[in-house]
Amino acid sequence: MRLMLIALTLILAAGSLAAQGIEVTGIAVCKSVQDRACQEPVEKTTADTPSLTCLITLKADKTATLKHRWSVDGKVKFEIDLPVKFASPLYRQWSQKNLNGVKGNWTVEIVAEDGTVLKSTAFIVE
């Protein structure tokens, strides 16, 4: 029964994403973005790291706005709305967050206009 519930949830989520016309195909947190590519991917870093960047790749069938939501230990620290300006089989977006020495378990969620979390990633600041 539990397996059927999980399968149904995945099917419904996939339908919701398809209806939005946006598919996040990749996500990475890194020290910088250069030439639209992630430089020095981060899974764990120290509190003296000044800032990090979240780079996503996506497929878009339409224009839209995605939210990049940065949280630490479950508390939202920063949100920014970023436009998807045109339909494209490969589109990139990124946002940067100053860490201000805040230690903890960080997450970045990519959120659709209807509030659906399309993709997320996590990293640790020690």
PDB file of N, CA and C in Angstrom:
ATOM      1  N   MET A   1       0.829  -1.196   0.000  1.00  0.00           N
ATOM      2  CA  MET A   1       0.000   0.000   0.000  1.00  0.00           C
ATOM      3  C   MET A   1       0.873   1.260   0.000  1.00  0.00           C
ATOM      4  N   ARG A   2       1.898   1.266   0.840  1.00  0.00           N
ATOM      5  CA  ARG A   2       2.774   2.437   0.925  1.00  0.00           C
ATOM      6  C   ARG A   2       3.482   2.678  -0.404  1.00  0.00           C
ATOM      7  N   LEU A   3       3.940   1.609  -1.054  1.00  0.00           N
ATOM      8  CA  LEU A   3       4.602   1.720  -2.344  1.00  0.00           C
ATOM      9  C   LEU A   3       3.654   2.308  -3.390  1.00  0.00           C
ATOM     10  N   MET A   4       2.387   1.908  -3.355  1.00  0.00           N
ATOM     11  CA  MET A   4       1.398   2.448  -4.291  1.00  0.00           C
ATOM     12  C   MET A   4       1.182   3.933  -4.044  1.00  0.00           C
ATOM     13  N   LEU A   5       1.159   4.353  -2.801  1.00  0.00           N
ATOM     14  CA  LEU A   5       0.990   5.757  -2.459  1.00  0.00           C
ATOM     15  C   LEU A   5       2.169   6.581  -2.951  1.00  0.00           C
ATOM     16  N   ILE A   6       3.378   6.060  -2.778  1.00  0.00           N
ATOM     17  CA  ILE A   6       4.568   6.753  -3.264  1.00  0.00           C
ATOM     18  C   ILE A   6       4.517   6.875  -4.784  1.00  0.00           C
ATOM     19  N   ALA A   7       4.155   5.799  -5.472  1.00  0.00           N
ATOM     20  CA  ALA A   7       4.068   5.813  -6.934  1.00  0.00           C
ATOM     21  C   ALA A   7       3.032   6.830  -7.407  1.00  0.00           C
ATOM     22  N   LEU A   8       1.885   6.878  -6.756  1.00  0.00           N
ATOM     23  CA  LEU A   8       0.840   7.828  -7.117  1.00  0.00           C
ATOM     24  C   LEU A   8       1.322   9.257  -6.906  1.00  0.00           C
ATOM     25  N   THR A   9       2.020   9.521  -5.810  1.00  0.00           N
ATOM     26  CA  THR A   9       2.560  10.850  -5.540  1.00  0.00           C
ATOM     27  C   THR A   9       3.530  11.261  -6.642  1.00  0.00           C
ATOM     28  N   LEU A  10       4.403  10.365  -7.068  1.00  0.00           N
ATOM     29  CA  LEU A  10       5.362  10.671  -8.127  1.00  0.00           C
ATOM     30  C   LEU A  10       4.664  10.944  -9.449  1.00  0.00           C
ATOM     31  N   ILE A  11       3.631  10.180  -9.752  1.00  0.00           N
ATOM     32  CA  ILE A  11       2.880  10.384 -10.991  1.00  0.00           C
ATOM     33  C   ILE A  11       2.190  11.746 -10.974  1.00  0.00           C
ATOM     34  N   LEU A  12       1.559  12.097  -9.867  1.00  0.00           N
ATOM     35  CA  LEU A  12       0.898  13.391  -9.756  1.00  0.00           C
ATOM     36  C   LEU A  12       1.897  14.529  -9.856  1.00  0.00           C
ATOM     37  N   ALA A  13       3.052  14.386  -9.216  1.00  0.00           N
ATOM     38  CA  ALA A  13       4.083  15.429  -9.281  1.00  0.00           C
ATOM     39  C   ALA A  13       4.582  15.590 -10.707  1.00  0.00           C
ATOM     40  N   ALA A  14       4.808  14.503 -11.407  1.00  0.00           N
ATOM     41  CA  ALA A  14       5.277  14.571 -12.787  1.00  0.00           C
ATOM     42  C   ALA A  14       4.246  15.269 -13.664  1.00  0.00           C
ATOM     43  N   GLY A  15       2.969  14.982 -13.455  1.00  0.00           N
ATOM     44  CA  GLY A  15       1.915  15.644 -14.211  1.00  0.00           C
ATOM     45  C   GLY A  15       1.879  17.130 -13.940  1.00  0.00           C
ATOM     46  N   SER A  16       2.066  17.509 -12.697  1.00  0.00           N
ATOM     47  CA  SER A  16       2.080  18.917 -12.328  1.00  0.00           C
ATOM     48  C   SER A  16       3.233  19.639 -13.004  1.00  0.00           C
ATOM     49  N   LEU A  17       4.406  19.009 -13.032  1.00  0.00           N
ATOM     50  CA  LEU A  17       5.577  19.625 -13.651  1.00  0.00           C
ATOM     51  C   LEU A  17       5.381  19.754 -15.147  1.00  0.00           C
ATOM     52  N   ALA A  18       4.830  18.726 -15.779  1.00  0.00           N
ATOM     53  CA  ALA A  18       4.614  18.779 -17.216  1.00  0.00           C
ATOM     54  C   ALA A  18       3.629  19.895 -17.564  1.00  0.00           C
ATOM     55  N   ALA A  19       2.626  20.084 -16.733  1.00  0.00           N
ATOM     56  CA  ALA A  19       1.645  21.125 -16.968  1.00  0.00           C
ATOM     57  C   ALA A  19       2.265  22.511 -16.870  1.00  0.00           C
ATOM     58  N   GLN A  20       3.304  22.648 -16.067  1.00  0.00           N
ATOM     59  CA  GLN A  20       3.951  23.944 -15.914  1.00  0.00           C
ATOM     60  C   GLN A  20       4.873  24.270 -17.080  1.00  0.00           C
ATOM     61  N   GLY A  21       5.304  23.267 -17.829  1.00  0.00           N
ATOM     62  CA  GLY A  21       6.179  23.498 -18.961  1.00  0.00           C
ATOM     63  C   GLY A  21       7.610  23.798 -18.586  1.00  0.00           C
ATOM     64  N   ILE A  22       8.006  23.476 -17.362  1.00  0.00           N
ATOM     65  CA  ILE A  22       9.369  23.710 -16.883  1.00  0.00           C
ATOM     66  C   ILE A  22       9.893  22.409 -16.291  1.00  0.00           C
ATOM     67  N   GLU A  23      11.108  22.036 -16.670  1.00  0.00           N
ATOM     68  CA  GLU A  23      11.768  20.879 -16.071  1.00  0.00           C
ATOM     69  C   GLU A  23      13.185  21.286 -15.673  1.00  0.00           C
ATOM     70  N   VAL A  24      13.479  21.239 -14.380  1.00  0.00           N
ATOM     71  CA  VAL A  24      14.833  21.525 -13.906  1.00  0.00           C
ATOM     72  C   VAL A  24      15.652  20.258 -14.123  1.00  0.00           C
ATOM     73  N   THR A  25      16.659  20.347 -14.975  1.00  0.00           N
ATOM     74  CA  THR A  25      17.455  19.174 -15.343  1.00  0.00           C
ATOM     75  C   THR A  25      18.745  19.051 -14.550  1.00  0.00           C
ATOM     76  N   GLY A  26      19.160  20.113 -13.883  1.00  0.00           N
ATOM     77  CA  GLY A  26      20.374  20.056 -13.079  1.00  0.00           C
ATOM     78  C   GLY A  26      20.410  21.165 -12.051  1.00  0.00           C
ATOM     79  N   ILE A  27      21.095  20.893 -10.936  1.00  0.00           N
ATOM     80  CA  ILE A  27      21.242  21.895  -9.880  1.00  0.00           C
ATOM     81  C   ILE A  27      22.578  21.657  -9.188  1.00  0.00           C
ATOM     82  N   ALA A  28      23.291  22.736  -8.906  1.00  0.00           N
ATOM     83  CA  ALA A  28      24.577  22.624  -8.208  1.00  0.00           C
ATOM     84  C   ALA A  28      24.840  23.903  -7.428  1.00  0.00           C
ATOM     85  N   VAL A  29      25.443  23.734  -6.258  1.00  0.00           N
ATOM     86  CA  VAL A  29      25.924  24.866  -5.476  1.00  0.00           C
ATOM     87  C   VAL A  29      27.430  24.902  -5.663  1.00  0.00           C
ATOM     88  N   CYS A  30      27.943  26.080  -5.958  1.00  0.00           N
ATOM     89  CA  CYS A  30      29.363  26.200  -6.265  1.00  0.00           C
ATOM     90  C   CYS A  30      29.899  27.541  -5.773  1.00  0.00           C
ATOM     91  N   LYS A  31      31.216  27.669  -5.821  1.00  0.00           N
ATOM     92  CA  LYS A  31      31.856  28.908  -5.355  1.00  0.00           C
ATOM     93  C   LYS A  31      31.656  30.052  -6.330  1.00  0.00           C
ATOM     94  N   SER A  32      31.486  29.739  -7.628  1.00  0.00           N
ATOM     95  CA  SER A  32      31.226  30.783  -8.619  1.00  0.00           C
ATOM     96  C   SER A  32      30.701  30.158  -9.897  1.00  0.00           C
ATOM     97  N   VAL A  33      30.217  31.021 -10.778  1.00  0.00           N
ATOM     98  CA  VAL A  33      29.794  30.613 -12.115  1.00  0.00           C
ATOM     99  C   VAL A  33      30.663  31.379 -13.098  1.00  0.00           C
ATOM    100  N   GLN A  34      31.273  30.639 -14.020  1.00  0.00           N
ATOM    101  CA  GLN A  34      32.103  31.261 -15.041  1.00  0.00           C
ATOM    102  C   GLN A  34      31.733  30.640 -16.386  1.00  0.00           C
ATOM    103  N   ASP A  35      31.517  31.467 -17.381  1.00  0.00           N
ATOM    104  CA  ASP A  35      31.084  30.997 -18.695  1.00  0.00           C
ATOM    105  C   ASP A  35      29.858  30.091 -18.578  1.00  0.00           C
ATOM    106  N   ARG A  36      28.941  30.478 -17.714  1.00  0.00           N
ATOM    107  CA  ARG A  36      27.676  29.771 -17.465  1.00  0.00           C
ATOM    108  C   ARG A  36      27.873  28.335 -16.999  1.00  0.00           C
ATOM    109  N   ALA A  37      29.008  28.097 -16.306  1.00  0.00           N
ATOM    110  CA  ALA A  37      29.305  26.765 -15.762  1.00  0.00           C
ATOM    111  C   ALA A  37      29.709  26.892 -14.296  1.00  0.00           C
ATOM    112  N   CYS A  38      29.346  25.874 -13.520  1.00  0.00           N
ATOM    113  CA  CYS A  38      29.655  25.832 -12.094  1.00  0.00           C
ATOM    114  C   CYS A  38      31.157  25.636 -11.878  1.00  0.00           C
ATOM    115  N   GLN A  39      31.749  26.474 -11.042  1.00  0.00           N
ATOM    116  CA  GLN A  39      33.163  26.367 -10.688  1.00  0.00           C
ATOM    117  C   GLN A  39      33.266  25.961  -9.217  1.00  0.00           C
ATOM    118  N   GLU A  40      34.011  24.921  -8.939  1.00  0.00           N
ATOM    119  CA  GLU A  40      34.223  24.416  -7.572  1.00  0.00           C
ATOM    120  C   GLU A  40      32.912  24.062  -6.867  1.00  0.00           C
ATOM    121  N   PRO A  41      32.249  22.986  -7.306  1.00  0.00           N
ATOM    122  CA  PRO A  41      31.018  22.542  -6.634  1.00  0.00           C
ATOM    123  C   PRO A  41      31.250  22.314  -5.137  1.00  0.00           C
ATOM    124  N   VAL A  42      30.222  22.585  -4.344  1.00  0.00           N
ATOM    125  CA  VAL A  42      30.337  22.534  -2.884  1.00  0.00           C
ATOM    126  C   VAL A  42      29.283  21.604  -2.307  1.00  0.00           C
ATOM    127  N   GLU A  43      29.723  20.666  -1.463  1.00  0.00           N
ATOM    128  CA  GLU A  43      28.813  19.875  -0.632  1.00  0.00           C
ATOM    129  C   GLU A  43      29.006  20.242   0.833  1.00  0.00           C
ATOM    130  N   LYS A  44      30.224  20.697   1.153  1.00  0.00           N
ATOM    131  CA  LYS A  44      30.563  21.108   2.515  1.00  0.00           C
ATOM    132  C   LYS A  44      31.582  22.230   2.412  1.00  0.00           C
ATOM    133  N   THR A  45      31.414  23.255   3.244  1.00  0.00           N
ATOM    134  CA  THR A  45      32.343  24.379   3.243  1.00  0.00           C
ATOM    135  C   THR A  45      32.469  24.926   4.657  1.00  0.00           C
ATOM    136  N   THR A  46      33.344  25.895   4.828  1.00  0.00           N
ATOM    137  CA  THR A  46      33.574  26.491   6.142  1.00  0.00           C
ATOM    138  C   THR A  46      32.857  27.837   6.246  1.00  0.00           C
ATOM    139  N   ALA A  47      32.669  28.276   7.466  1.00  0.00           N
ATOM    140  CA  ALA A  47      31.935  29.515   7.727  1.00  0.00           C
ATOM    141  C   ALA A  47      32.645  30.752   7.189  1.00  0.00           C
ATOM    142  N   ASP A  48      33.923  30.641   6.863  1.00  0.00           N
ATOM    143  CA  ASP A  48      34.617  31.810   6.305  1.00  0.00           C
ATOM    144  C   ASP A  48      34.434  31.946   4.791  1.00  0.00           C
ATOM    145  N   THR A  49      33.666  31.049   4.180  1.00  0.00           N
ATOM    146  CA  THR A  49      33.326  31.181   2.764  1.00  0.00           C
ATOM    147  C   THR A  49      32.357  32.360   2.636  1.00  0.00           C
ATOM    148  N   PRO A  50      32.710  33.376   1.859  1.00  0.00           N
ATOM    149  CA  PRO A  50      31.865  34.570   1.837  1.00  0.00           C
ATOM    150  C   PRO A  50      30.493  34.372   1.200  1.00  0.00           C
ATOM    151  N   SER A  51      30.440  33.646   0.079  1.00  0.00           N
ATOM    152  CA  SER A  51      29.163  33.451  -0.611  1.00  0.00           C
ATOM    153  C   SER A  51      29.235  32.207  -1.478  1.00  0.00           C
ATOM    154  N   LEU A  52      28.057  31.725  -1.850  1.00  0.00           N
ATOM    155  CA  LEU A  52      27.951  30.587  -2.767  1.00  0.00           C
ATOM    156  C   LEU A  52      26.900  30.914  -3.815  1.00  0.00           C
ATOM    157  N   THR A  53      26.968  30.185  -4.925  1.00  0.00           N
ATOM    158  CA  THR A  53      26.053  30.381  -6.039  1.00  0.00           C
ATOM    159  C   THR A  53      25.333  29.070  -6.324  1.00  0.00           C
ATOM    160  N   CYS A  54      24.039  29.155  -6.597  1.00  0.00           N
ATOM    161  CA  CYS A  54      23.267  27.992  -7.031  1.00  0.00           C
ATOM    162  C   CYS A  54      22.974  28.162  -8.514  1.00  0.00           C
ATOM    163  N   LEU A  55      23.460  27.217  -9.316  1.00  0.00           N
ATOM    164  CA  LEU A  55      23.257  27.222 -10.761  1.00  0.00           C
ATOM    165  C   LEU A  55      22.295  26.098 -11.122  1.00  0.00           C
ATOM    166  N   ILE A  56      21.273  26.429 -11.898  1.00  0.00           N
ATOM    167  CA  ILE A  56      20.366  25.387 -12.382  1.00  0.00           C
ATOM    168  C   ILE A  56      20.351  25.396 -13.907  1.00  0.00           C
ATOM    169  N   THR A  57      20.097  24.221 -14.465  1.00  0.00           N
ATOM    170  CA  THR A  57      19.810  24.101 -15.884  1.00  0.00           C
ATOM    171  C   THR A  57      18.380  23.593 -16.002  1.00  0.00           C
ATOM    172  N   LEU A  58      17.704  24.056 -17.023  1.00  0.00           N
ATOM    173  CA  LEU A  58      16.311  23.672 -17.163  1.00  0.00           C
ATOM    174  C   LEU A  58      15.896  23.652 -18.623  1.00  0.00           C
ATOM    175  N   LYS A  59      14.789  22.958 -18.860  1.00  0.00           N
ATOM    176  CA  LYS A  59      14.096  22.972 -20.151  1.00  0.00           C
ATOM    177  C   LYS A  59      12.816  23.753 -19.925  1.00  0.00           C
ATOM    178  N   ALA A  60      12.509  24.656 -20.839  1.00  0.00           N
ATOM    179  CA  ALA A  60      11.311  25.474 -20.684  1.00  0.00           C
ATOM    180  C   ALA A  60      10.510  25.479 -21.969  1.00  0.00           C
ATOM    181  N   ASP A  61       9.214  25.213 -21.841  1.00  0.00           N
ATOM    182  CA  ASP A  61       8.295  25.294 -22.982  1.00  0.00           C
ATOM    183  C   ASP A  61       7.642  26.666 -23.047  1.00  0.00           C
ATOM    184  N   LYS A  62       7.893  27.500 -22.037  1.00  0.00           N
ATOM    185  CA  LYS A  62       7.239  28.803 -21.958  1.00  0.00           C
ATOM    186  C   LYS A  62       8.053  29.720 -21.059  1.00  0.00           C
ATOM    187  N   THR A  63       7.702  30.985 -21.057  1.00  0.00           N
ATOM    188  CA  THR A  63       8.297  31.906 -20.104  1.00  0.00           C
ATOM    189  C   THR A  63       7.628  31.693 -18.748  1.00  0.00           C
ATOM    190  N   ALA A  64       8.339  31.984 -17.701  1.00  0.00           N
ATOM    191  CA  ALA A  64       7.820  31.782 -16.344  1.00  0.00           C
ATOM    192  C   ALA A  64       8.740  32.510 -15.374  1.00  0.00           C
ATOM    193  N   THR A  65       8.423  32.404 -14.114  1.00  0.00           N
ATOM    194  CA  THR A  65       9.289  32.920 -13.054  1.00  0.00           C
ATOM    195  C   THR A  65       9.523  31.798 -12.063  1.00  0.00           C
ATOM    196  N   LEU A  66      10.778  31.546 -11.752  1.00  0.00           N
ATOM    197  CA  LEU A  66      11.138  30.562 -10.740  1.00  0.00           C
ATOM    198  C   LEU A  66      11.712  31.280  -9.535  1.00  0.00           C
ATOM    199  N   LYS A  67      11.466  30.720  -8.369  1.00  0.00           N
ATOM    200  CA  LYS A  67      11.993  31.267  -7.127  1.00  0.00           C
ATOM    201  C   LYS A  67      13.157  30.394  -6.674  1.00  0.00           C
ATOM    202  N   HIS A  68      14.266  31.022  -6.314  1.00  0.00           N
ATOM    203  CA  HIS A  68      15.377  30.330  -5.655  1.00  0.00           C
ATOM    204  C   HIS A  68      15.234  30.641  -4.171  1.00  0.00           C
ATOM    205  N   ARG A  69      15.013  29.597  -3.363  1.00  0.00           N
ATOM    206  CA  ARG A  69      14.782  29.761  -1.920  1.00  0.00           C
ATOM    207  C   ARG A  69      15.951  29.139  -1.164  1.00  0.00           C
ATOM    208  N   TRP A  70      16.727  29.974  -0.467  1.00  0.00           N
ATOM    209  CA  TRP A  70      17.882  29.545   0.324  1.00  0.00           C
ATOM    210  C   TRP A  70      17.457  29.454   1.788  1.00  0.00           C
ATOM    211  N   SER A  71      17.680  28.288   2.416  1.00  0.00           N
ATOM    212  CA  SER A  71      17.299  28.077   3.817  1.00  0.00           C
ATOM    213  C   SER A  71      18.444  27.443   4.570  1.00  0.00           C
ATOM    214  N   VAL A  72      18.478  27.710   5.873  1.00  0.00           N
ATOM    215  CA  VAL A  72      19.438  27.033   6.756  1.00  0.00           C
ATOM    216  C   VAL A  72      18.669  26.476   7.939  1.00  0.00           C
ATOM    217  N   ASP A  73      18.880  25.194   8.199  1.00  0.00           N
ATOM    218  CA  ASP A  73      18.208  24.489   9.293  1.00  0.00           C
ATOM    219  C   ASP A  73      16.693  24.725   9.274  1.00  0.00           C
ATOM    220  N   GLY A  74      16.127  24.713   8.067  1.00  0.00           N
ATOM    221  CA  GLY A  74      14.686  24.832   7.896  1.00  0.00           C
ATOM    222  C   GLY A  74      14.133  26.240   7.918  1.00  0.00           C
ATOM    223  N   LYS A  75      14.982  27.253   8.107  1.00  0.00           N
ATOM    224  CA  LYS A  75      14.521  28.643   8.149  1.00  0.00           C
ATOM    225  C   LYS A  75      14.949  29.353   6.873  1.00  0.00           C
ATOM    226  N   VAL A  76      13.984  29.937   6.174  1.00  0.00           N
ATOM    227  CA  VAL A  76      14.274  30.647   4.930  1.00  0.00           C
ATOM    228  C   VAL A  76      15.113  31.886   5.244  1.00  0.00           C
ATOM    229  N   LYS A  77      16.239  32.002   4.538  1.00  0.00           N
ATOM    230  CA  LYS A  77      17.140  33.148   4.716  1.00  0.00           C
ATOM    231  C   LYS A  77      17.067  34.119   3.554  1.00  0.00           C
ATOM    232  N   PHE A  78      16.680  33.624   2.360  1.00  0.00           N
ATOM    233  CA  PHE A  78      16.716  34.473   1.178  1.00  0.00           C
ATOM    234  C   PHE A  78      15.870  33.834   0.088  1.00  0.00           C
ATOM    235  N   GLU A  79      15.081  34.651  -0.580  1.00  0.00           N
ATOM    236  CA  GLU A  79      14.313  34.195  -1.737  1.00  0.00           C
ATOM    237  C   GLU A  79      14.461  35.235  -2.838  1.00  0.00           C
ATOM    238  N   ILE A  80      14.593  34.750  -4.056  1.00  0.00           N
ATOM    239  CA  ILE A  80      14.649  35.666  -5.182  1.00  0.00           C
ATOM    240  C   ILE A  80      13.871  35.065  -6.346  1.00  0.00           C
ATOM    241  N   ASP A  81      13.059  35.892  -6.991  1.00  0.00           N
ATOM    242  CA  ASP A  81      12.322  35.484  -8.184  1.00  0.00           C
ATOM    243  C   ASP A  81      13.195  35.771  -9.398  1.00  0.00           C
ATOM    244  N   LEU A  82      13.370  34.752 -10.250  1.00  0.00           N
ATOM    245  CA  LEU A  82      14.170  34.903 -11.459  1.00  0.00           C
ATOM    246  C   LEU A  82      13.341  34.498 -12.665  1.00  0.00           C
ATOM    247  N   PRO A  83      13.313  35.341 -13.692  1.00  0.00           N
ATOM    248  CA  PRO A  83      12.496  35.025 -14.862  1.00  0.00           C
ATOM    249  C   PRO A  83      13.162  34.016 -15.792  1.00  0.00           C
ATOM    250  N   VAL A  84      12.329  33.161 -16.376  1.00  0.00           N
ATOM    251  CA  VAL A  84      12.721  32.348 -17.529  1.00  0.00           C
ATOM    252  C   VAL A  84      12.198  33.162 -18.702  1.00  0.00           C
ATOM    253  N   LYS A  85      13.106  33.790 -19.451  1.00  0.00           N
ATOM    254  CA  LYS A  85      12.702  34.805 -20.416  1.00  0.00           C
ATOM    255  C   LYS A  85      12.221  34.248 -21.748  1.00  0.00           C
ATOM    256  N   PHE A  86      12.570  32.992 -22.052  1.00  0.00           N
ATOM    257  CA  PHE A  86      12.123  32.418 -23.320  1.00  0.00           C
ATOM    258  C   PHE A  86      12.141  30.899 -23.238  1.00  0.00           C
ATOM    259  N   ALA A  87      11.334  30.272 -24.087  1.00  0.00           N
ATOM    260  CA  ALA A  87      11.317  28.813 -24.166  1.00  0.00           C
ATOM    261  C   ALA A  87      12.632  28.344 -24.771  1.00  0.00           C
ATOM    262  N   SER A  88      13.190  27.301 -24.182  1.00  0.00           N
ATOM    263  CA  SER A  88      14.493  26.820 -24.645  1.00  0.00           C
ATOM    264  C   SER A  88      14.718  25.398 -24.152  1.00  0.00           C
ATOM    265  N   PRO A  89      15.387  24.566 -24.964  1.00  0.00           N
ATOM    266  CA  PRO A  89      15.725  23.220 -24.486  1.00  0.00           C
ATOM    267  C   PRO A  89      16.871  23.243 -23.468  1.00  0.00           C
ATOM    268  N   LEU A  90      17.613  24.351 -23.397  1.00  0.00           N
ATOM    269  CA  LEU A  90      18.667  24.506 -22.392  1.00  0.00           C
ATOM    270  C   LEU A  90      18.703  25.952 -21.935  1.00  0.00           C
ATOM    271  N   TYR A  91      18.309  26.171 -20.685  1.00  0.00           N
ATOM    272  CA  TYR A  91      18.269  27.508 -20.102  1.00  0.00           C
ATOM    273  C   TYR A  91      18.989  27.419 -18.767  1.00  0.00           C
ATOM    274  N   ARG A  92      19.742  28.441 -18.417  1.00  0.00           N
ATOM    275  CA  ARG A  92      20.469  28.455 -17.140  1.00  0.00           C
ATOM    276  C   ARG A  92      20.039  29.657 -16.315  1.00  0.00           C
ATOM    277  N   GLN A  93      19.987  29.449 -15.022  1.00  0.00           N
ATOM    278  CA  GLN A  93      19.734  30.525 -14.056  1.00  0.00           C
ATOM    279  C   GLN A  93      20.671  30.320 -12.889  1.00  0.00           C
ATOM    280  N   TRP A  94      21.001  31.411 -12.204  1.00  0.00           N
ATOM    281  CA  TRP A  94      21.736  31.249 -10.961  1.00  0.00           C
ATOM    282  C   TRP A  94      21.446  32.407 -10.025  1.00  0.00           C
ATOM    283  N   SER A  95      21.608  32.112  -8.757  1.00  0.00           N
ATOM    284  CA  SER A  95      21.478  33.121  -7.708  1.00  0.00           C
ATOM    285  C   SER A  95      22.655  32.953  -6.757  1.00  0.00           C
ATOM    286  N   GLN A  96      22.994  34.026  -6.084  1.00  0.00           N
ATOM    287  CA  GLN A  96      24.126  34.008  -5.159  1.00  0.00           C
ATOM    288  C   GLN A  96      23.645  34.438  -3.782  1.00  0.00           C
ATOM    289  N   LYS A  97      24.199  33.800  -2.757  1.00  0.00           N
ATOM    290  CA  LYS A  97      23.836  34.120  -1.372  1.00  0.00           C
ATOM    291  C   LYS A  97      25.086  34.372  -0.554  1.00  0.00           C
ATOM    292  N   ASN A  98      25.140  35.531   0.115  1.00  0.00           N
ATOM    293  CA  ASN A  98      26.183  35.782   1.105  1.00  0.00           C
ATOM    294  C   ASN A  98      25.852  34.946   2.328  1.00  0.00           C
ATOM    295  N   LEU A  99      26.818  34.156   2.795  1.00  0.00           N
ATOM    296  CA  LEU A  99      26.562  33.240   3.905  1.00  0.00           C
ATOM    297  C   LEU A  99      26.662  33.916   5.265  1.00  0.00           C
ATOM    298  N   ASN A 100      27.388  35.019   5.360  1.00  0.00           N
ATOM    299  CA  ASN A 100      27.521  35.771   6.607  1.00  0.00           C
ATOM    300  C   ASN A 100      27.970  34.903   7.782  1.00  0.00           C
ATOM    301  N   GLY A 101      28.747  33.859   7.491  1.00  0.00           N
ATOM    302  CA  GLY A 101      29.277  33.001   8.547  1.00  0.00           C
ATOM    303  C   GLY A 101      28.256  32.104   9.223  1.00  0.00           C
ATOM    304  N   VAL A 102      27.053  31.995   8.664  1.00  0.00           N
ATOM    305  CA  VAL A 102      25.991  31.193   9.287  1.00  0.00           C
ATOM    306  C   VAL A 102      26.257  29.706   9.036  1.00  0.00           C
ATOM    307  N   LYS A 103      26.492  28.982  10.125  1.00  0.00           N
ATOM    308  CA  LYS A 103      26.753  27.543  10.048  1.00  0.00           C
ATOM    309  C   LYS A 103      25.438  26.777  10.081  1.00  0.00           C
ATOM    310  N   GLY A 104      25.451  25.585   9.472  1.00  0.00           N
ATOM    311  CA  GLY A 104      24.266  24.739   9.532  1.00  0.00           C
ATOM    312  C   GLY A 104      24.072  23.936   8.271  1.00  0.00           C
ATOM    313  N   ASN A 105      22.902  23.315   8.196  1.00  0.00           N
ATOM    314  CA  ASN A 105      22.497  22.516   7.040  1.00  0.00           C
ATOM    315  C   ASN A 105      21.665  23.400   6.123  1.00  0.00           C
ATOM    316  N   TRP A 106      22.245  23.771   5.017  1.00  0.00           N
ATOM    317  CA  TRP A 106      21.618  24.660   4.053  1.00  0.00           C
ATOM    318  C   TRP A 106      20.925  23.867   2.949  1.00  0.00           C
ATOM    319  N   THR A 107      19.857  24.433   2.407  1.00  0.00           N
ATOM    320  CA  THR A 107      19.210  23.892   1.219  1.00  0.00           C
ATOM    321  C   THR A 107      18.884  25.043   0.275  1.00  0.00           C
ATOM    322  N   VAL A 108      18.845  24.722  -0.996  1.00  0.00           N
ATOM    323  CA  VAL A 108      18.340  25.650  -2.004  1.00  0.00           C
ATOM    324  C   VAL A 108      17.235  24.907  -2.740  1.00  0.00           C
ATOM    325  N   GLU A 109      16.058  25.511  -2.764  1.00  0.00           N
ATOM    326  CA  GLU A 109      14.922  24.936  -3.469  1.00  0.00           C
ATOM    327  C   GLU A 109      14.594  25.809  -4.675  1.00  0.00           C
ATOM    328  N   ILE A 110      14.247  25.158  -5.774  1.00  0.00           N
ATOM    329  CA  ILE A 110      13.779  25.858  -6.962  1.00  0.00           C
ATOM    330  C   ILE A 110      12.269  25.667  -6.992  1.00  0.00           C
ATOM    331  N   VAL A 111      11.542  26.769  -6.914  1.00  0.00           N
ATOM    332  CA  VAL A 111      10.096  26.734  -6.705  1.00  0.00           C
ATOM    333  C   VAL A 111       9.378  27.352  -7.903  1.00  0.00           C
ATOM    334  N   ALA A 112       8.373  26.638  -8.418  1.00  0.00           N
ATOM    335  CA  ALA A 112       7.558  27.121  -9.536  1.00  0.00           C
ATOM    336  C   ALA A 112       6.581  28.188  -9.052  1.00  0.00           C
ATOM    337  N   GLU A 113       5.954  28.850 -10.017  1.00  0.00           N
ATOM    338  CA  GLU A 113       5.001  29.913  -9.697  1.00  0.00           C
ATOM    339  C   GLU A 113       3.846  29.431  -8.829  1.00  0.00           C
ATOM    340  N   ASP A 114       3.470  28.154  -8.963  1.00  0.00           N
ATOM    341  CA  ASP A 114       2.347  27.627  -8.170  1.00  0.00           C
ATOM    342  C   ASP A 114       2.790  27.099  -6.804  1.00  0.00           C
ATOM    343  N   GLY A 115       4.082  27.255  -6.470  1.00  0.00           N
ATOM    344  CA  GLY A 115       4.586  26.815  -5.168  1.00  0.00           C
ATOM    345  C   GLY A 115       5.198  25.428  -5.162  1.00  0.00           C
ATOM    346  N   THR A 116       5.148  24.719  -6.278  1.00  0.00           N
ATOM    347  CA  THR A 116       5.722  23.381  -6.373  1.00  0.00           C
ATOM    348  C   THR A 116       7.245  23.464  -6.324  1.00  0.00           C
ATOM    349  N   VAL A 117       7.870  22.660  -5.464  1.00  0.00           N
ATOM    350  CA  VAL A 117       9.327  22.578  -5.445  1.00  0.00           C
ATOM    351  C   VAL A 117       9.749  21.657  -6.583  1.00  0.00           C
ATOM    352  N   LEU A 118      10.465  22.237  -7.554  1.00  0.00           N
ATOM    353  CA  LEU A 118      10.867  21.487  -8.738  1.00  0.00           C
ATOM    354  C   LEU A 118      12.141  20.688  -8.506  1.00  0.00           C
ATOM    355  N   LYS A 119      13.037  21.222  -7.714  1.00  0.00           N
ATOM    356  CA  LYS A 119      14.326  20.567  -7.439  1.00  0.00           C
ATOM    357  C   LYS A 119      14.928  21.243  -6.228  1.00  0.00           C
ATOM    358  N   SER A 120      15.756  20.496  -5.500  1.00  0.00           N
ATOM    359  CA  SER A 120      16.476  21.077  -4.366  1.00  0.00           C
ATOM    360  C   SER A 120      17.838  20.415  -4.233  1.00  0.00           C
ATOM    361  N   THR A 121      18.691  21.089  -3.504  1.00  0.00           N
ATOM    362  CA  THR A 121      20.013  20.554  -3.201  1.00  0.00           C
ATOM    363  C   THR A 121      20.391  21.025  -1.806  1.00  0.00           C
ATOM    364  N   ALA A 122      21.368  20.347  -1.229  1.00  0.00           N
ATOM    365  CA  ALA A 122      21.781  20.676   0.142  1.00  0.00           C
ATOM    366  C   ALA A 122      23.291  20.750   0.234  1.00  0.00           C
ATOM    367  N   PHE A 123      23.748  21.549   1.209  1.00  0.00           N
ATOM    368  CA  PHE A 123      25.176  21.629   1.523  1.00  0.00           C
ATOM    369  C   PHE A 123      25.313  22.004   2.991  1.00  0.00           C
ATOM    370  N   ILE A 124      26.504  21.816   3.523  1.00  0.00           N
ATOM    371  CA  ILE A 124      26.764  22.058   4.939  1.00  0.00           C
ATOM    372  C   ILE A 124      27.788  23.173   5.082  1.00  0.00           C
ATOM    373  N   VAL A 125      27.534  24.081   6.010  1.00  0.00           N
ATOM    374  CA  VAL A 125      28.510  25.107   6.374  1.00  0.00           C
ATOM    375  C   VAL A 125      28.946  24.794   7.804  1.00  0.00           C
ATOM    376  N   GLU A 126      30.262  24.528   7.970  1.00  0.00           N
ATOM    377  CA  GLU A 126      30.807  24.188   9.297  1.00  0.00           C
ATOM    378  C   GLU A 126      31.542  25.362   9.914  1.00  0.00           C
TER     379      GLU A 126
END
